[in-house]
Amino acid sequence: GVFIALVVTVGSQFTSNHHLNETGGYALVGIV
């Protein structure tokens, strides 16, 4: 549940025009 919440948070914070930006990609790698 913590993992899913972090992924959703990063996805909503670092998305523009339905694309994840570079910082968000790094954040997702860190979350995994």
PDB file of all heavy atoms in Angstrom:
ATOM      1  N   GLY A   1       0.817  -1.213   0.000  1.00  0.00           N
ATOM      2  CA  GLY A   1       0.000   0.000   0.000  1.00  0.00           C
ATOM      3  C   GLY A   1       0.850   1.262   0.000  1.00  0.00           C
ATOM      4  O   GLY A   1       0.535   2.223  -0.711  1.00  0.00           O
ATOM      5  N   VAL A   2       1.935   1.259   0.764  1.00  0.00           N
ATOM      6  CA  VAL A   2       2.856   2.405   0.769  1.00  0.00           C
ATOM      7  C   VAL A   2       3.480   2.571  -0.611  1.00  0.00           C
ATOM      8  O   VAL A   2       3.585   3.690  -1.132  1.00  0.00           O
ATOM      9  CB  VAL A   2       3.950   2.225   1.850  1.00  0.00           C
ATOM     10  CG1 VAL A   2       5.068   3.224   1.679  1.00  0.00           C
ATOM     11  CG2 VAL A   2       3.338   2.331   3.232  1.00  0.00           C
ATOM     12  N   PHE A   3       3.871   1.474  -1.249  1.00  0.00           N
ATOM     13  CA  PHE A   3       4.450   1.525  -2.590  1.00  0.00           C
ATOM     14  C   PHE A   3       3.465   2.134  -3.582  1.00  0.00           C
ATOM     15  O   PHE A   3       3.820   3.022  -4.357  1.00  0.00           O
ATOM     16  CB  PHE A   3       4.856   0.113  -3.034  1.00  0.00           C
ATOM     17  CG  PHE A   3       5.284   0.021  -4.461  1.00  0.00           C
ATOM     18  CD1 PHE A   3       6.492   0.549  -4.871  1.00  0.00           C
ATOM     19  CD2 PHE A   3       4.484  -0.596  -5.399  1.00  0.00           C
ATOM     20  CE1 PHE A   3       6.898   0.461  -6.194  1.00  0.00           C
ATOM     21  CE2 PHE A   3       4.872  -0.690  -6.709  1.00  0.00           C
ATOM     22  CZ  PHE A   3       6.085  -0.165  -7.117  1.00  0.00           C
ATOM     23  N   ILE A   4       2.239   1.662  -3.562  1.00  0.00           N
ATOM     24  CA  ILE A   4       1.228   2.172  -4.494  1.00  0.00           C
ATOM     25  C   ILE A   4       0.963   3.651  -4.241  1.00  0.00           C
ATOM     26  O   ILE A   4       0.848   4.443  -5.186  1.00  0.00           O
ATOM     27  CB  ILE A   4      -0.065   1.341  -4.388  1.00  0.00           C
ATOM     28  CG1 ILE A   4       0.196  -0.060  -4.947  1.00  0.00           C
ATOM     29  CG2 ILE A   4      -1.224   2.010  -5.126  1.00  0.00           C
ATOM     30  CD1 ILE A   4      -0.926  -1.043  -4.708  1.00  0.00           C
ATOM     31  N   ALA A   5       0.875   4.053  -2.984  1.00  0.00           N
ATOM     32  CA  ALA A   5       0.643   5.458  -2.657  1.00  0.00           C
ATOM     33  C   ALA A   5       1.787   6.337  -3.158  1.00  0.00           C
ATOM     34  O   ALA A   5       1.554   7.433  -3.707  1.00  0.00           O
ATOM     35  CB  ALA A   5       0.468   5.630  -1.154  1.00  0.00           C
ATOM     36  N   LEU A   6       3.028   5.878  -3.015  1.00  0.00           N
ATOM     37  CA  LEU A   6       4.174   6.646  -3.507  1.00  0.00           C
ATOM     38  C   LEU A   6       4.169   6.755  -5.020  1.00  0.00           C
ATOM     39  O   LEU A   6       4.458   7.817  -5.581  1.00  0.00           O
ATOM     40  CB  LEU A   6       5.484   6.019  -3.020  1.00  0.00           C
ATOM     41  CG  LEU A   6       5.814   6.198  -1.549  1.00  0.00           C
ATOM     42  CD1 LEU A   6       7.045   5.370  -1.181  1.00  0.00           C
ATOM     43  CD2 LEU A   6       6.045   7.661  -1.228  1.00  0.00           C
ATOM     44  N   VAL A   7       3.837   5.673  -5.712  1.00  0.00           N
ATOM     45  CA  VAL A   7       3.795   5.709  -7.175  1.00  0.00           C
ATOM     46  C   VAL A   7       2.706   6.665  -7.661  1.00  0.00           C
ATOM     47  O   VAL A   7       2.928   7.454  -8.582  1.00  0.00           O
ATOM     48  CB  VAL A   7       3.588   4.287  -7.748  1.00  0.00           C
ATOM     49  CG1 VAL A   7       3.262   4.333  -9.229  1.00  0.00           C
ATOM     50  CG2 VAL A   7       4.819   3.435  -7.518  1.00  0.00           C
ATOM     51  N   VAL A   8       1.554   6.625  -7.043  1.00  0.00           N
ATOM     52  CA  VAL A   8       0.463   7.532  -7.432  1.00  0.00           C
ATOM     53  C   VAL A   8       0.853   8.981  -7.160  1.00  0.00           C
ATOM     54  O   VAL A   8       0.611   9.865  -7.987  1.00  0.00           O
ATOM     55  CB  VAL A   8      -0.846   7.149  -6.707  1.00  0.00           C
ATOM     56  CG1 VAL A   8      -1.903   8.221  -6.868  1.00  0.00           C
ATOM     57  CG2 VAL A   8      -1.352   5.809  -7.212  1.00  0.00           C
ATOM     58  N   THR A   9       1.488   9.236  -6.022  1.00  0.00           N
ATOM     59  CA  THR A   9       1.906  10.595  -5.683  1.00  0.00           C
ATOM     60  C   THR A   9       2.925  11.124  -6.688  1.00  0.00           C
ATOM     61  O   THR A   9       2.793  12.244  -7.190  1.00  0.00           O
ATOM     62  CB  THR A   9       2.500  10.632  -4.263  1.00  0.00           C
ATOM     63  OG1 THR A   9       1.513  10.179  -3.338  1.00  0.00           O
ATOM     64  CG2 THR A   9       2.939  12.034  -3.895  1.00  0.00           C
ATOM     65  N   VAL A  10       3.930  10.330  -6.993  1.00  0.00           N
ATOM     66  CA  VAL A  10       4.946  10.763  -7.967  1.00  0.00           C
ATOM     67  C   VAL A  10       4.310  10.943  -9.338  1.00  0.00           C
ATOM     68  O   VAL A  10       4.597  11.908 -10.046  1.00  0.00           O
ATOM     69  CB  VAL A  10       6.114   9.756  -8.018  1.00  0.00           C
ATOM     70  CG1 VAL A  10       6.989   9.987  -9.235  1.00  0.00           C
ATOM     71  CG2 VAL A  10       6.943   9.862  -6.758  1.00  0.00           C
ATOM     72  N   GLY A  11       3.435  10.032  -9.712  1.00  0.00           N
ATOM     73  CA  GLY A  11       2.762  10.147 -11.003  1.00  0.00           C
ATOM     74  C   GLY A  11       1.938  11.407 -11.124  1.00  0.00           C
ATOM     75  O   GLY A  11       1.894  12.040 -12.187  1.00  0.00           O
ATOM     76  N   SER A  12       1.304  11.814 -10.060  1.00  0.00           N
ATOM     77  CA  SER A  12       0.481  13.022 -10.118  1.00  0.00           C
ATOM     78  C   SER A  12       1.312  14.302 -10.007  1.00  0.00           C
ATOM     79  O   SER A  12       0.926  15.337 -10.535  1.00  0.00           O
ATOM     80  CB  SER A  12      -0.585  12.990  -9.024  1.00  0.00           C
ATOM     81  OG  SER A  12       0.022  13.068  -7.751  1.00  0.00           O
ATOM     82  N   GLN A  13       2.456  14.243  -9.349  1.00  0.00           N
ATOM     83  CA  GLN A  13       3.283  15.438  -9.163  1.00  0.00           C
ATOM     84  C   GLN A  13       4.191  15.729 -10.347  1.00  0.00           C
ATOM     85  O   GLN A  13       4.501  16.885 -10.612  1.00  0.00           O
ATOM     86  CB  GLN A  13       4.143  15.290  -7.902  1.00  0.00           C
ATOM     87  CG  GLN A  13       3.366  15.225  -6.622  1.00  0.00           C
ATOM     88  CD  GLN A  13       2.664  16.541  -6.323  1.00  0.00           C
ATOM     89  OE1 GLN A  13       3.206  17.599  -6.555  1.00  0.00           O
ATOM     90  NE2 GLN A  13       1.439  16.451  -5.834  1.00  0.00           N
ATOM     91  N   PHE A  14       4.654  14.721 -11.044  1.00  0.00           N
ATOM     92  CA  PHE A  14       5.658  14.896 -12.080  1.00  0.00           C
ATOM     93  C   PHE A  14       5.145  14.589 -13.483  1.00  0.00           C
ATOM     94  O   PHE A  14       5.911  14.244 -14.373  1.00  0.00           O
ATOM     95  CB  PHE A  14       6.885  14.026 -11.784  1.00  0.00           C
ATOM     96  CG  PHE A  14       7.600  14.412 -10.530  1.00  0.00           C
ATOM     97  CD1 PHE A  14       7.446  13.672  -9.365  1.00  0.00           C
ATOM     98  CD2 PHE A  14       8.418  15.530 -10.502  1.00  0.00           C
ATOM     99  CE1 PHE A  14       8.106  14.027  -8.210  1.00  0.00           C
ATOM    100  CE2 PHE A  14       9.080  15.895  -9.345  1.00  0.00           C
ATOM    101  CZ  PHE A  14       8.921  15.144  -8.198  1.00  0.00           C
ATOM    102  N   THR A  15       3.847  14.706 -13.710  1.00  0.00           N
ATOM    103  CA  THR A  15       3.263  14.438 -15.019  1.00  0.00           C
ATOM    104  C   THR A  15       2.803  15.747 -15.647  1.00  0.00           C
ATOM    105  O   THR A  15       2.182  16.580 -15.000  1.00  0.00           O
ATOM    106  CB  THR A  15       2.059  13.491 -14.879  1.00  0.00           C
ATOM    107  OG1 THR A  15       2.504  12.284 -14.273  1.00  0.00           O
ATOM    108  CG2 THR A  15       1.449  13.179 -16.221  1.00  0.00           C
ATOM    109  N   SER A  16       3.166  15.906 -16.913  1.00  0.00           N
ATOM    110  CA  SER A  16       2.658  17.046 -17.682  1.00  0.00           C
ATOM    111  C   SER A  16       2.270  16.535 -19.058  1.00  0.00           C
ATOM    112  O   SER A  16       3.013  15.801 -19.704  1.00  0.00           O
ATOM    113  CB  SER A  16       3.714  18.143 -17.787  1.00  0.00           C
ATOM    114  OG  SER A  16       4.863  17.661 -18.428  1.00  0.00           O
ATOM    115  N   ASN A  17       1.088  16.895 -19.502  1.00  0.00           N
ATOM    116  CA  ASN A  17       0.546  16.439 -20.785  1.00  0.00           C
ATOM    117  C   ASN A  17       0.565  14.917 -20.901  1.00  0.00           C
ATOM    118  O   ASN A  17       0.915  14.364 -21.936  1.00  0.00           O
ATOM    119  CB  ASN A  17       1.316  17.066 -21.962  1.00  0.00           C
ATOM    120  CG  ASN A  17       1.152  18.568 -21.999  1.00  0.00           C
ATOM    121  OD1 ASN A  17       0.137  19.088 -21.547  1.00  0.00           O
ATOM    122  ND2 ASN A  17       2.137  19.255 -22.518  1.00  0.00           N
ATOM    123  N   HIS A  18       0.203  14.254 -19.842  1.00  0.00           N
ATOM    124  CA  HIS A  18       0.117  12.793 -19.763  1.00  0.00           C
ATOM    125  C   HIS A  18       1.454  12.094 -19.980  1.00  0.00           C
ATOM    126  O   HIS A  18       1.502  10.946 -20.416  1.00  0.00           O
ATOM    127  CB  HIS A  18      -0.923  12.262 -20.746  1.00  0.00           C
ATOM    128  CG  HIS A  18      -2.291  12.826 -20.529  1.00  0.00           C
ATOM    129  ND1 HIS A  18      -3.046  12.511 -19.422  1.00  0.00           N
ATOM    130  CD2 HIS A  18      -3.036  13.701 -21.248  1.00  0.00           C
ATOM    131  CE1 HIS A  18      -4.193  13.150 -19.485  1.00  0.00           C
ATOM    132  NE2 HIS A  18      -4.210  13.882 -20.583  1.00  0.00           N
ATOM    133  N   HIS A  19       2.564  12.792 -19.735  1.00  0.00           N
ATOM    134  CA  HIS A  19       3.893  12.200 -19.841  1.00  0.00           C
ATOM    135  C   HIS A  19       4.654  12.475 -18.547  1.00  0.00           C
ATOM    136  O   HIS A  19       4.611  13.579 -18.013  1.00  0.00           O
ATOM    137  CB  HIS A  19       4.664  12.791 -21.015  1.00  0.00           C
ATOM    138  CG  HIS A  19       4.143  12.390 -22.357  1.00  0.00           C
ATOM    139  ND1 HIS A  19       2.823  12.264 -22.635  1.00  0.00           N
ATOM    140  CD2 HIS A  19       4.786  12.089 -23.501  1.00  0.00           C
ATOM    141  CE1 HIS A  19       2.658  11.902 -23.889  1.00  0.00           C
ATOM    142  NE2 HIS A  19       3.855  11.794 -24.442  1.00  0.00           N
ATOM    143  N   LEU A  20       5.378  11.494 -18.091  1.00  0.00           N
ATOM    144  CA  LEU A  20       6.194  11.631 -16.891  1.00  0.00           C
ATOM    145  C   LEU A  20       7.498  12.319 -17.276  1.00  0.00           C
ATOM    146  O   LEU A  20       8.162  11.917 -18.229  1.00  0.00           O
ATOM    147  CB  LEU A  20       6.473  10.242 -16.307  1.00  0.00           C
ATOM    148  CG  LEU A  20       7.090  10.166 -14.922  1.00  0.00           C
ATOM    149  CD1 LEU A  20       6.122  10.736 -13.894  1.00  0.00           C
ATOM    150  CD2 LEU A  20       7.418   8.731 -14.573  1.00  0.00           C
ATOM    151  N   ASN A  21       7.868  13.376 -16.542  1.00  0.00           N
ATOM    152  CA  ASN A  21       9.115  14.063 -16.881  1.00  0.00           C
ATOM    153  C   ASN A  21      10.322  13.320 -16.303  1.00  0.00           C
ATOM    154  O   ASN A  21      10.190  12.299 -15.638  1.00  0.00           O
ATOM    155  CB  ASN A  21       9.081  15.533 -16.428  1.00  0.00           C
ATOM    156  CG  ASN A  21       8.928  15.700 -14.939  1.00  0.00           C
ATOM    157  OD1 ASN A  21       9.236  14.806 -14.173  1.00  0.00           O
ATOM    158  ND2 ASN A  21       8.447  16.867 -14.534  1.00  0.00           N
ATOM    159  N   GLU A  22      11.512  13.817 -16.594  1.00  0.00           N
ATOM    160  CA  GLU A  22      12.744  13.125 -16.215  1.00  0.00           C
ATOM    161  C   GLU A  22      12.868  12.958 -14.698  1.00  0.00           C
ATOM    162  O   GLU A  22      13.243  11.897 -14.213  1.00  0.00           O
ATOM    163  CB  GLU A  22      13.941  13.896 -16.755  1.00  0.00           C
ATOM    164  CG  GLU A  22      15.258  13.213 -16.521  1.00  0.00           C
ATOM    165  CD  GLU A  22      16.420  13.977 -17.141  1.00  0.00           C
ATOM    166  OE1 GLU A  22      16.195  14.918 -17.902  1.00  0.00           O
ATOM    167  OE2 GLU A  22      17.554  13.604 -16.828  1.00  0.00           O
ATOM    168  N   THR A  23      12.549  13.991 -13.963  1.00  0.00           N
ATOM    169  CA  THR A  23      12.635  13.913 -12.504  1.00  0.00           C
ATOM    170  C   THR A  23      11.680  12.853 -11.956  1.00  0.00           C
ATOM    171  O   THR A  23      12.026  12.104 -11.037  1.00  0.00           O
ATOM    172  CB  THR A  23      12.312  15.288 -11.887  1.00  0.00           C
ATOM    173  OG1 THR A  23      13.163  16.266 -12.465  1.00  0.00           O
ATOM    174  CG2 THR A  23      12.496  15.270 -10.389  1.00  0.00           C
ATOM    175  N   GLY A  24      10.507  12.778 -12.521  1.00  0.00           N
ATOM    176  CA  GLY A  24       9.552  11.768 -12.102  1.00  0.00           C
ATOM    177  C   GLY A  24      10.031  10.361 -12.400  1.00  0.00           C
ATOM    178  O   GLY A  24       9.799   9.438 -11.628  1.00  0.00           O
ATOM    179  N   GLY A  25      10.720  10.200 -13.529  1.00  0.00           N
ATOM    180  CA  GLY A  25      11.283   8.893 -13.863  1.00  0.00           C
ATOM    181  C   GLY A  25      12.325   8.458 -12.852  1.00  0.00           C
ATOM    182  O   GLY A  25      12.340   7.306 -12.414  1.00  0.00           O
ATOM    183  N   TYR A  26      13.195   9.396 -12.486  1.00  0.00           N
ATOM    184  CA  TYR A  26      14.192   9.084 -11.460  1.00  0.00           C
ATOM    185  C   TYR A  26      13.529   8.768 -10.123  1.00  0.00           C
ATOM    186  O   TYR A  26      13.968   7.873  -9.392  1.00  0.00           O
ATOM    187  CB  TYR A  26      15.175  10.237 -11.285  1.00  0.00           C
ATOM    188  CG  TYR A  26      16.130  10.403 -12.432  1.00  0.00           C
ATOM    189  CD1 TYR A  26      16.390  11.663 -12.947  1.00  0.00           C
ATOM    190  CD2 TYR A  26      16.772   9.318 -12.996  1.00  0.00           C
ATOM    191  CE1 TYR A  26      17.269  11.831 -14.002  1.00  0.00           C
ATOM    192  CE2 TYR A  26      17.656   9.474 -14.045  1.00  0.00           C
ATOM    193  CZ  TYR A  26      17.899  10.737 -14.552  1.00  0.00           C
ATOM    194  OH  TYR A  26      18.764  10.884 -15.587  1.00  0.00           O
ATOM    195  N   ALA A  27      12.479   9.500  -9.807  1.00  0.00           N
ATOM    196  CA  ALA A  27      11.759   9.246  -8.559  1.00  0.00           C
ATOM    197  C   ALA A  27      11.127   7.850  -8.565  1.00  0.00           C
ATOM    198  O   ALA A  27      11.162   7.149  -7.552  1.00  0.00           O
ATOM    199  CB  ALA A  27      10.697  10.315  -8.337  1.00  0.00           C
ATOM    200  N   LEU A  28      10.563   7.448  -9.707  1.00  0.00           N
ATOM    201  CA  LEU A  28       9.972   6.115  -9.782  1.00  0.00           C
ATOM    202  C   LEU A  28      11.020   5.015  -9.639  1.00  0.00           C
ATOM    203  O   LEU A  28      10.785   3.999  -8.984  1.00  0.00           O
ATOM    204  CB  LEU A  28       9.217   5.934 -11.098  1.00  0.00           C
ATOM    205  CG  LEU A  28       7.847   6.595 -11.165  1.00  0.00           C
ATOM    206  CD1 LEU A  28       7.215   6.367 -12.530  1.00  0.00           C
ATOM    207  CD2 LEU A  28       6.941   6.071 -10.084  1.00  0.00           C
ATOM    208  N   VAL A  29      12.199   5.217 -10.236  1.00  0.00           N
ATOM    209  CA  VAL A  29      13.280   4.248 -10.074  1.00  0.00           C
ATOM    210  C   VAL A  29      13.675   4.153  -8.595  1.00  0.00           C
ATOM    211  O   VAL A  29      13.887   3.064  -8.061  1.00  0.00           O
ATOM    212  CB  VAL A  29      14.492   4.614 -10.952  1.00  0.00           C
ATOM    213  CG1 VAL A  29      15.701   3.772 -10.611  1.00  0.00           C
ATOM    214  CG2 VAL A  29      14.140   4.449 -12.427  1.00  0.00           C
ATOM    215  N   GLY A  30      13.755   5.299  -7.929  1.00  0.00           N
ATOM    216  CA  GLY A  30      14.065   5.310  -6.507  1.00  0.00           C
ATOM    217  C   GLY A  30      13.007   4.615  -5.675  1.00  0.00           C
ATOM    218  O   GLY A  30      13.313   3.898  -4.714  1.00  0.00           O
ATOM    219  N   ILE A  31      11.743   4.794  -6.044  1.00  0.00           N
ATOM    220  CA  ILE A  31      10.647   4.154  -5.318  1.00  0.00           C
ATOM    221  C   ILE A  31      10.710   2.637  -5.478  1.00  0.00           C
ATOM    222  O   ILE A  31      10.509   1.890  -4.515  1.00  0.00           O
ATOM    223  CB  ILE A  31       9.287   4.707  -5.788  1.00  0.00           C
ATOM    224  CG1 ILE A  31       9.116   6.138  -5.294  1.00  0.00           C
ATOM    225  CG2 ILE A  31       8.140   3.831  -5.309  1.00  0.00           C
ATOM    226  CD1 ILE A  31       7.918   6.837  -5.887  1.00  0.00           C
ATOM    227  N   VAL A  32      11.007   2.167  -6.682  1.00  0.00           N
ATOM    228  CA  VAL A  32      11.117   0.719  -6.903  1.00  0.00           C
ATOM    229  C   VAL A  32      12.274   0.154  -6.079  1.00  0.00           C
ATOM    230  O   VAL A  32      12.149  -0.900  -5.449  1.00  0.00           O
ATOM    231  CB  VAL A  32      11.269   0.402  -8.402  1.00  0.00           C
ATOM    232  CG1 VAL A  32      11.624  -1.057  -8.615  1.00  0.00           C
ATOM    233  CG2 VAL A  32       9.992   0.745  -9.151  1.00  0.00           C
TER     234      VAL A  32
END
